[in-house]
Protein backbone atom coordinates (compact mmCIF):
# COMPACT_ATOMS: atom_id res chain seq x y z
CA MET A 1 80.37 76.73 7.30
CA THR A 2 81.77 74.65 4.58
CA ALA A 3 83.73 76.63 2.27
CA PRO A 4 82.86 76.01 -2.15
CA GLY A 5 84.29 73.46 -3.39
CA PRO A 6 86.57 73.19 -6.52
CA ALA A 7 83.01 73.48 -8.83
CA ALA A 8 82.22 76.23 -7.51
CA ARG A 9 85.72 77.99 -6.93
CA ARG A 10 86.06 77.71 -10.65
CA ARG A 11 82.42 78.94 -11.58
CA SER A 12 83.30 82.06 -8.72
CA ARG A 13 87.03 81.86 -11.85
CA THR A 14 85.37 82.18 -15.11
CA VAL A 15 82.07 85.22 -13.39
CA VAL A 16 84.85 86.96 -12.37
CA LEU A 17 87.74 86.74 -15.54
CA PHE A 18 84.61 87.16 -18.28
CA THR A 19 83.41 90.25 -16.13
CA ALA A 20 86.45 91.69 -16.34
CA SER A 21 87.17 90.77 -19.45
CA ALA A 22 84.08 92.23 -19.95
CA ALA A 23 84.76 96.03 -18.96
CA LEU A 24 87.87 96.19 -19.30
CA LEU A 25 87.34 95.73 -23.89
CA LEU A 26 84.38 98.08 -23.18
CA ALA A 27 86.41 100.23 -21.20
CA GLY A 28 88.94 99.79 -23.88
CA ILE A 29 86.61 100.82 -27.02
CA VAL A 30 84.84 103.88 -26.11
CA LEU A 31 88.64 105.07 -24.60
CA SER A 32 90.11 104.30 -27.95
CA ALA A 33 87.61 105.65 -29.82
CA GLY A 34 87.76 108.97 -26.99
CA LEU A 35 90.93 110.11 -27.31
CA GLY A 36 93.53 112.28 -30.44
CA GLN A 37 93.93 115.12 -30.91
CA LEU A 38 90.61 115.68 -31.63
CA ALA A 39 88.83 114.99 -27.89
CA ILE A 40 85.64 112.71 -28.09
CA GLY A 41 82.70 112.42 -24.63
CA PRO A 42 82.61 108.58 -23.44
CA ALA A 43 78.55 109.93 -23.89
CA ASP A 44 79.08 111.12 -27.05
CA VAL A 45 80.75 107.58 -27.61
CA ILE A 46 78.03 105.69 -26.26
CA GLY A 47 75.93 107.62 -27.94
CA SER A 48 76.84 106.70 -31.37
CA LEU A 49 77.18 103.97 -30.79
CA LEU A 50 73.64 103.42 -29.03
CA ARG A 51 72.08 105.05 -32.00
CA ALA A 52 74.40 103.02 -34.94
CA VAL A 53 71.69 99.93 -33.64
CA GLY A 54 68.79 101.97 -33.29
CA LEU A 55 69.02 103.14 -29.97
CA PRO A 56 67.60 106.69 -29.62
CA ASN A 57 69.43 108.78 -27.35
CA GLY A 58 69.82 111.84 -25.69
CA TRP A 59 73.80 111.20 -25.94
CA ALA A 60 74.35 111.08 -29.52
CA PRO A 61 76.31 113.82 -31.15
CA GLU A 62 75.33 116.24 -33.16
CA ASP A 63 78.49 117.87 -34.85
CA ALA A 64 78.80 116.06 -38.00
CA LEU A 65 83.19 115.81 -37.92
CA ILE A 66 83.33 113.79 -34.79
CA GLU A 67 80.64 111.15 -36.18
CA GLN A 68 83.12 111.58 -39.57
CA THR A 69 85.63 111.09 -36.85
CA LEU A 70 84.61 108.37 -34.80
CA TRP A 71 83.68 106.09 -37.55
CA GLN A 72 86.20 106.08 -40.29
CA ILE A 73 88.78 106.86 -38.36
CA ARG A 74 88.61 105.92 -35.02
CA LEU A 75 86.42 102.87 -34.37
CA PRO A 76 87.63 100.99 -37.40
CA ARG A 77 90.90 101.37 -36.19
CA VAL A 78 89.99 99.41 -32.49
CA ALA A 79 86.96 97.02 -34.88
CA MET A 80 90.43 95.48 -35.84
CA SER A 81 92.65 95.86 -32.44
CA LEU A 82 89.79 93.47 -30.92
CA LEU A 83 89.81 91.26 -33.68
CA VAL A 84 93.36 91.26 -34.39
CA GLY A 85 93.94 90.04 -30.47
CA ALA A 86 90.56 87.22 -30.70
CA LEU A 87 92.49 85.57 -33.22
CA LEU A 88 95.71 85.84 -32.11
CA ALA A 89 94.63 84.64 -29.17
CA VAL A 90 92.28 82.19 -30.03
CA ALA A 91 95.05 80.73 -32.63
CA GLY A 92 97.28 80.23 -29.87
CA ALA A 93 94.99 78.42 -27.20
CA VAL A 94 94.22 75.78 -30.35
CA MET A 95 98.18 76.19 -31.21
CA GLN A 96 98.53 74.91 -27.04
CA ALA A 97 96.69 71.99 -27.16
CA VAL A 98 97.05 70.32 -29.62
CA PHE A 99 100.61 70.90 -28.52
CA ALA A 100 99.99 70.64 -25.15
CA ASN A 101 102.33 72.57 -24.12
CA PRO A 102 101.80 76.46 -23.06
CA LEU A 103 105.04 77.12 -24.68
CA ALA A 104 103.29 76.73 -28.80
CA GLU A 105 101.95 79.79 -30.51
CA PRO A 106 101.63 80.55 -33.90
CA GLY A 107 104.89 81.21 -35.04
CA VAL A 108 105.73 78.13 -34.15
CA VAL A 109 104.23 76.53 -37.20
CA GLY A 110 105.56 79.82 -38.96
CA VAL A 111 102.19 81.30 -40.02
CA SER A 112 103.82 84.66 -38.88
CA SER A 113 106.41 84.48 -40.49
CA GLY A 114 105.11 83.52 -44.27
CA ALA A 115 102.76 86.21 -43.64
CA ALA A 116 105.46 89.28 -43.64
CA LEU A 117 107.73 86.87 -46.31
CA GLY A 118 104.64 87.28 -48.74
CA ALA A 119 104.29 91.17 -47.42
CA ALA A 120 107.87 91.66 -47.59
CA ALA A 121 107.12 90.65 -51.27
CA SER A 122 104.29 92.31 -53.10
CA ILE A 123 106.10 95.56 -51.50
CA ALA A 124 109.36 95.00 -53.28
CA PHE A 125 108.63 94.42 -56.44
CA GLY A 126 106.02 96.60 -56.18
CA LEU A 127 102.87 94.65 -57.01
CA THR A 128 99.88 96.33 -56.97
CA PHE A 129 97.36 94.43 -59.61
CA LEU A 130 95.62 94.18 -56.49
CA GLY A 131 95.07 97.38 -55.01
CA GLY A 132 96.01 98.62 -51.92
CA TRP A 133 94.83 94.90 -51.15
CA THR A 134 97.90 93.34 -52.64
CA THR A 135 100.41 93.51 -49.48
CA ALA A 136 97.95 91.80 -47.98
CA VAL A 137 96.03 88.68 -50.34
CA PHE A 138 100.66 87.95 -50.54
CA ALA A 139 100.65 88.05 -46.60
CA PHE A 140 97.94 85.75 -45.88
CA ALA A 141 98.28 83.37 -48.78
CA GLY A 142 102.28 83.57 -47.49
CA GLY A 143 101.13 82.18 -44.24
CA LEU A 144 99.27 79.43 -45.50
CA VAL A 145 101.64 78.56 -47.12
CA ALA A 146 104.05 77.69 -45.05
CA THR A 147 101.11 76.47 -42.88
CA PHE A 148 101.40 73.79 -45.55
CA VAL A 149 105.40 73.73 -46.27
CA VAL A 150 105.79 72.61 -42.90
CA TYR A 151 102.87 70.58 -42.15
CA SER A 152 102.92 68.51 -45.35
CA THR A 153 107.25 68.46 -44.89
CA ALA A 154 106.60 66.77 -41.13
CA ARG A 155 104.12 64.44 -41.40
CA ALA A 156 105.36 60.83 -42.56
CA GLN A 157 102.90 57.49 -42.94
CA GLY A 158 100.26 58.92 -42.28
CA ARG A 159 100.88 60.70 -38.79
CA THR A 160 102.97 64.13 -37.91
CA GLU A 161 105.49 64.07 -34.78
CA SER A 162 104.65 67.61 -32.25
CA VAL A 163 108.46 67.82 -32.44
CA THR A 164 109.27 67.31 -36.15
CA LEU A 165 106.13 69.72 -37.13
CA VAL A 166 108.35 72.37 -33.98
CA LEU A 167 111.82 71.34 -36.01
CA THR A 168 110.25 72.04 -39.50
CA GLY A 169 108.59 75.56 -38.41
CA ILE A 170 111.76 76.61 -37.09
CA ALA A 171 113.54 75.38 -40.34
CA VAL A 172 110.30 77.28 -42.15
CA ASN A 173 110.95 80.55 -39.76
CA ALA A 174 114.87 80.54 -40.39
CA PHE A 175 114.04 80.18 -44.51
CA ALA A 176 111.85 83.01 -43.87
CA GLY A 177 113.67 85.47 -42.17
CA ALA A 178 117.17 85.27 -44.83
CA GLY A 179 114.55 85.25 -47.31
CA LEU A 180 113.35 88.85 -44.89
CA ALA A 181 116.99 90.13 -45.38
CA LEU A 182 117.90 89.69 -48.65
CA LEU A 183 114.49 91.34 -49.89
CA MET A 184 115.53 94.13 -47.57
CA THR A 185 118.82 94.25 -49.54
CA VAL A 186 117.79 94.29 -53.33
CA GLY A 187 114.81 96.88 -52.82
CA ASP A 188 115.13 101.00 -52.31
CA SER A 189 115.32 102.22 -49.62
CA GLY A 190 110.73 102.45 -49.13
CA SER A 191 110.55 98.92 -49.70
CA ARG A 192 113.09 98.46 -46.72
CA GLU A 193 110.93 101.86 -44.99
CA GLN A 194 107.93 99.78 -45.62
CA ILE A 195 108.26 96.04 -44.95
CA VAL A 196 110.00 97.13 -41.04
CA PHE A 197 106.96 99.00 -40.18
CA TRP A 198 104.56 96.56 -41.67
CA GLN A 199 106.54 93.64 -39.68
CA LEU A 200 105.94 95.84 -36.18
CA GLY A 201 102.51 96.29 -36.45
CA SER A 202 100.03 98.59 -36.80
CA MET A 203 96.50 99.41 -37.00
CA ASN A 204 96.31 102.93 -37.85
CA GLY A 205 94.79 103.33 -41.40
CA SER A 206 92.34 100.02 -40.66
CA ARG A 207 89.11 100.66 -42.62
CA TRP A 208 86.03 98.84 -41.90
CA GLY A 209 85.56 96.57 -45.52
CA GLU A 210 89.56 95.41 -43.93
CA VAL A 211 87.70 94.26 -41.06
CA GLY A 212 85.12 92.74 -42.84
CA VAL A 213 87.25 90.71 -44.41
CA SER A 214 89.79 89.29 -40.88
CA ALA A 215 86.08 89.11 -39.15
CA LEU A 216 84.45 86.86 -41.92
CA VAL A 217 87.13 84.47 -42.04
CA GLY A 218 88.49 84.35 -38.67
CA GLY A 219 84.71 84.24 -36.79
CA ALA A 220 84.09 80.66 -38.08
CA ALA A 221 87.78 79.18 -37.83
CA VAL A 222 86.63 81.24 -34.24
CA ILE A 223 83.53 78.83 -34.75
CA ALA A 224 85.90 76.05 -35.70
CA ALA A 225 87.17 75.70 -32.71
CA LEU A 226 84.76 75.96 -30.42
CA LEU A 227 83.15 73.41 -32.39
CA LEU A 228 85.56 71.39 -31.40
CA ALA A 229 87.15 72.23 -28.17
CA ARG A 230 85.49 68.63 -26.03
CA GLN A 231 87.62 67.25 -29.21
CA TYR A 232 90.23 69.07 -27.80
CA ASP A 233 89.77 68.07 -24.09
CA LEU A 234 90.04 64.31 -24.88
CA LEU A 235 93.44 65.39 -26.99
CA ALA A 236 94.95 65.66 -23.59
CA LEU A 237 94.79 62.63 -22.20
CA GLY A 238 97.04 61.59 -24.39
CA ASP A 239 97.02 60.10 -28.81
CA ARG A 240 96.17 56.37 -28.03
CA THR A 241 93.30 57.47 -25.35
CA ALA A 242 92.28 60.34 -27.44
CA ALA A 243 91.55 57.31 -30.45
CA HIS A 244 89.97 55.12 -28.22
CA LEU A 245 87.96 57.55 -26.96
CA GLY A 246 86.36 58.47 -30.40
CA VAL A 247 89.18 61.18 -31.38
CA ARG A 248 90.62 60.91 -34.93
CA VAL A 249 93.45 61.94 -33.50
CA GLU A 250 95.66 63.34 -37.11
CA ARG A 251 92.09 64.66 -39.07
CA LEU A 252 91.70 66.74 -35.29
CA ARG A 253 96.26 67.98 -35.91
CA ILE A 254 95.27 68.15 -39.67
CA LEU A 255 91.88 70.80 -38.99
CA SER A 256 93.47 72.42 -35.61
CA ILE A 257 96.89 73.35 -38.28
CA VAL A 258 94.77 75.19 -40.73
CA LEU A 259 92.43 76.84 -38.83
CA VAL A 260 95.83 78.41 -36.77
CA ALA A 261 96.38 79.38 -40.66
CA LEU A 262 93.38 80.47 -40.71
CA LEU A 263 93.03 82.63 -37.64
CA THR A 264 96.64 84.13 -37.31
CA GLY A 265 96.53 85.52 -41.21
CA ALA A 266 93.19 86.72 -41.25
CA ALA A 267 95.01 88.92 -37.65
CA VAL A 268 98.21 89.69 -39.01
CA ALA A 269 97.37 90.55 -42.83
CA PHE A 270 96.73 94.02 -42.88
CA VAL A 271 98.39 94.72 -39.53
CA GLY A 272 101.01 93.40 -39.67
CA ILE A 273 103.07 91.07 -37.10
CA ILE A 274 101.88 91.24 -33.36
CA SER A 275 103.54 89.29 -30.98
CA PHE A 276 103.28 87.45 -27.70
CA VAL A 277 99.73 87.74 -28.15
CA GLY A 278 98.45 83.66 -28.92
CA LEU A 279 101.55 83.40 -26.65
CA VAL A 280 100.31 85.50 -23.40
CA VAL A 281 97.33 85.30 -23.28
CA PRO A 282 96.26 81.53 -23.71
CA HIS A 283 98.43 80.40 -20.89
CA ILE A 284 97.18 83.11 -18.45
CA VAL A 285 93.60 82.05 -19.52
CA ARG A 286 94.49 78.54 -18.56
CA MET A 287 96.11 79.65 -14.95
CA ILE A 288 93.09 80.63 -13.68
CA LEU A 289 89.88 79.34 -15.06
CA GLY A 290 92.24 75.12 -15.85
CA PRO A 291 92.47 73.11 -19.15
CA SER A 292 88.66 73.38 -20.01
CA ASN A 293 89.34 74.26 -24.01
CA ARG A 294 85.44 75.55 -24.60
CA LEU A 295 85.48 78.05 -21.19
CA LEU A 296 89.59 78.89 -22.08
CA ILE A 297 89.29 79.79 -26.60
CA GLY A 298 85.51 81.88 -25.64
CA ALA A 299 88.27 83.26 -22.95
CA SER A 300 90.69 83.99 -24.52
CA ALA A 301 89.33 85.89 -27.06
CA LEU A 302 87.70 88.00 -25.06
CA LEU A 303 91.09 89.08 -22.50
CA GLY A 304 92.89 89.34 -26.21
CA ALA A 305 91.05 91.12 -27.59
CA ALA A 306 90.41 93.10 -24.24
CA LEU A 307 94.38 94.06 -24.09
CA LEU A 308 94.41 94.30 -27.82
CA VAL A 309 92.68 97.36 -28.08
CA LEU A 310 94.16 98.75 -24.67
CA ALA A 311 97.45 97.77 -26.08
CA ASP A 312 96.43 100.58 -29.79
CA LEU A 313 95.56 102.97 -26.65
CA LEU A 314 98.38 103.35 -25.69
CA ALA A 315 100.78 102.95 -28.96
CA ARG A 316 98.48 105.96 -29.60
CA THR A 317 98.95 108.28 -27.09
CA LEU A 318 101.96 107.30 -24.56
CA VAL A 319 104.14 108.91 -27.19
CA PRO A 320 102.25 112.52 -28.06
CA ALA A 321 102.49 112.94 -31.88
CA THR A 322 103.49 109.34 -32.11
CA ASP A 323 102.11 105.94 -33.46
CA LEU A 324 104.13 103.11 -31.83
CA PRO A 325 104.52 100.22 -33.90
CA ILE A 326 101.87 98.12 -31.27
CA GLY A 327 103.85 94.83 -32.07
CA VAL A 328 106.65 96.40 -30.11
CA LEU A 329 104.80 97.27 -27.97
CA THR A 330 103.08 93.91 -27.77
CA SER A 331 106.75 91.97 -27.47
CA LEU A 332 108.43 94.45 -23.82
CA VAL A 333 105.46 94.40 -22.21
CA GLY A 334 104.81 90.31 -23.30
CA GLY A 335 109.00 88.73 -23.12
CA PRO A 336 109.07 90.55 -19.10
CA PHE A 337 105.10 89.11 -18.46
CA PHE A 338 106.22 85.68 -20.52
CA TYR A 339 109.99 85.61 -18.34
CA TRP A 340 107.30 85.98 -14.92
CA LEU A 341 105.01 83.61 -15.67
CA ILE A 342 107.90 80.91 -16.52
CA ARG A 343 109.60 81.58 -13.21
CA ARG A 344 106.60 81.84 -11.22
CA ASN A 345 105.76 78.95 -11.97
CA ARG A 346 108.16 76.93 -11.59
CA ARG A 347 108.84 78.16 -8.32
CA ARG A 348 105.66 77.05 -7.75
CA ALA A 349 104.84 73.75 -9.12
CA GLY A 350 109.09 72.46 -10.14
CA GLY A 351 107.97 72.53 -13.99
CA TRP A 352 104.57 74.16 -16.10
CA ALA A 353 101.89 73.46 -14.42
């Protein structure tokens, strides 16, 4: 019997990864919706979800308190976790494709720091003219403005050098960090606490309206990224080769940076800064599936959603009666894990594969 070829092994790995990610996601949804001060059984959760999509079943709970807990508190939080994980992972995959560098992630172009500065400004100055949406709108706008500043500064003579873009992003991140420190200094104690809490990231208090906005903006950006996947594959051959093959390289970079801003802004606007998802998830997927960007983007979205749903479950249940900031949890786990990936890859291949 002959051994399976590279194509067969790749298909097998793809099936395994998508199946495992989907299973993790479904398990995370059921567990996260059921665990809490009011324990809800898996059958009740599944029955309620099936009834919501029009499938009658004998598992759906009849207790109004259970239904209210599921649909007003827990499921919006689960949905937001799912969305944020998927959007940040796709943003990281796009960044890594554009820069041809597995260390690239949304924070490189200042989206996250710009969003943090915008949110902090609305909190420190007590702005409420948009009601409960004010901080989210300012965070989203801050991320977009930071991205525009970085890209317009790095662009010269009709071209944008990746190195210049990264260096400009570092400068904008430093400026945003100084602005955050200044706002925390001039704000009162209540404002400082809100700013710190927002920077740490949390899914607590998510509502369906917020989920809908993030899904609308982020979903459109994910679809656009999938449509551009073939051009990202060609870009990996080098700018000149890609241009000969019909890719408008500069336009692709501009569009990709806008997509990253939309994806990251939609992800962090309502929940705060969440680190390492956009960095680690695409890298793991690339190690398993290879460089094909269509598969990479789709698998990153699914795995990122699953991991953040499970991370939020841990944030709610790891310490009794305490809701840990999910951004802290992802950094505590993601930092050492990514360090291990770096060491492992350098030992095996002498550099990045």
